[in-house]
Protein backbone atom coordinates (compact mmCIF):
# COMPACT_ATOMS: atom_id res chain seq x y z
CA MET A 1 52.25 68.92 86.59
CA THR A 2 56.20 70.25 88.22
CA LEU A 3 59.02 67.57 88.11
CA THR A 4 58.06 67.02 92.11
CA ASP A 5 54.82 65.31 90.79
CA ASP A 6 55.67 62.14 88.77
CA ALA A 7 57.67 59.62 90.06
CA GLY A 8 56.95 56.86 88.28
CA ASP A 9 59.13 54.02 86.90
CA TRP A 10 61.08 55.37 84.50
CA ILE A 11 62.85 57.18 87.73
CA GLY A 12 65.52 53.68 88.02
CA ASP A 13 66.04 54.25 83.69
CA ALA A 14 66.86 57.53 84.10
CA ILE A 15 68.63 58.06 87.31
CA SER A 16 69.51 53.86 87.70
CA GLU A 17 67.75 52.02 91.27
CA ALA A 18 71.51 51.87 92.76
CA ARG A 19 71.59 56.16 92.71
CA PHE A 20 67.74 56.15 93.22
CA ALA A 21 68.60 53.61 96.38
CA PRO A 22 69.14 55.66 99.06
CA TYR A 23 66.31 58.15 98.70
CA LEU A 24 63.61 54.91 98.98
CA ALA A 25 65.56 54.16 101.67
CA GLU A 26 65.04 57.36 103.29
CA CYS A 27 61.98 57.57 103.00
CA GLY A 28 60.99 54.38 103.54
CA ASP A 29 60.65 53.57 99.81
CA ASP A 30 57.23 55.64 99.28
CA ARG A 31 58.57 56.11 95.40
CA ALA A 32 57.17 59.81 95.05
CA THR A 33 58.38 60.75 98.82
CA ALA A 34 61.81 59.83 97.89
CA TRP A 35 61.27 61.50 94.09
CA ARG A 36 60.72 64.94 95.77
CA LEU A 37 63.39 64.53 98.31
CA TYR A 38 66.36 64.09 94.81
CA VAL A 39 64.88 67.09 93.36
CA TRP A 40 65.16 68.93 96.39
CA ASN A 41 69.44 67.89 96.43
CA ILE A 42 69.49 68.98 92.94
CA ALA A 43 67.61 72.26 94.54
CA ILE A 44 70.04 72.33 97.33
CA SER A 45 73.37 71.12 94.87
CA MET A 46 72.45 74.35 92.76
CA ALA A 47 72.32 76.49 95.23
CA PHE A 48 75.90 75.58 96.13
CA TYR A 49 77.34 75.55 93.26
CA PRO A 50 78.19 79.10 92.86
CA LEU A 51 80.62 79.09 96.38
CA LEU A 52 81.89 75.87 94.63
CA HIS A 53 82.66 77.79 91.74
CA PHE A 54 85.49 80.39 92.28
CA PRO A 55 87.19 78.32 94.91
CA GLU A 56 87.31 75.86 92.36
CA ILE A 57 88.70 78.22 89.47
CA THR A 58 91.42 79.75 91.61
CA LEU A 59 92.16 75.93 92.54
CA ARG A 60 92.79 74.46 89.57
CA ASN A 61 95.10 78.22 88.12
CA ALA A 62 97.37 77.97 91.37
CA LEU A 63 97.44 74.10 90.78
CA HIS A 64 98.45 74.80 86.39
CA ARG A 65 100.61 77.98 87.48
CA GLU A 66 102.52 75.90 90.01
CA LEU A 67 102.24 72.49 87.86
CA GLY A 68 103.60 73.76 84.62
CA SER A 69 105.83 75.99 85.44
CA GLY A 70 109.51 73.66 86.25
CA SER A 71 111.21 73.41 82.97
CA ASP A 72 110.21 69.96 82.86
CA ALA A 73 106.58 70.42 83.12
CA PRO A 74 104.22 67.92 80.38
CA THR A 75 103.71 70.13 77.58
CA GLY A 76 100.51 67.52 76.38
CA GLY A 77 102.55 67.55 72.96
CA ARG A 78 102.43 71.92 72.56
CA SER A 79 105.37 73.61 71.58
CA HIS A 80 105.91 77.28 74.51
CA HIS A 81 107.71 79.65 73.66
C-alpha cells in the first residue's frame, strides 16, 4: 500500500475536514481522488522547497543585519559587546 492508496475516514481527524474540504470540492466529493490530489500537492510543495530555501534565508539574514545594525536595536535581553 502506498500513501495514495488509503483515503479512509482518518483523514478528517488527521488533517481536519476544513483543510481537506477544498480537495473534496475539487474532486466532486470523491475521497480517494481528493486524497491523491492532496498527496500530489505535498509532492509539488516539496519540489519547490529547494527553490525557496535560499531566497528565504537570504532575506531573513538581510533583515537581521539591517534591523540589528542600529544602536537602539533590541537585544532580546542579551548583552552584545
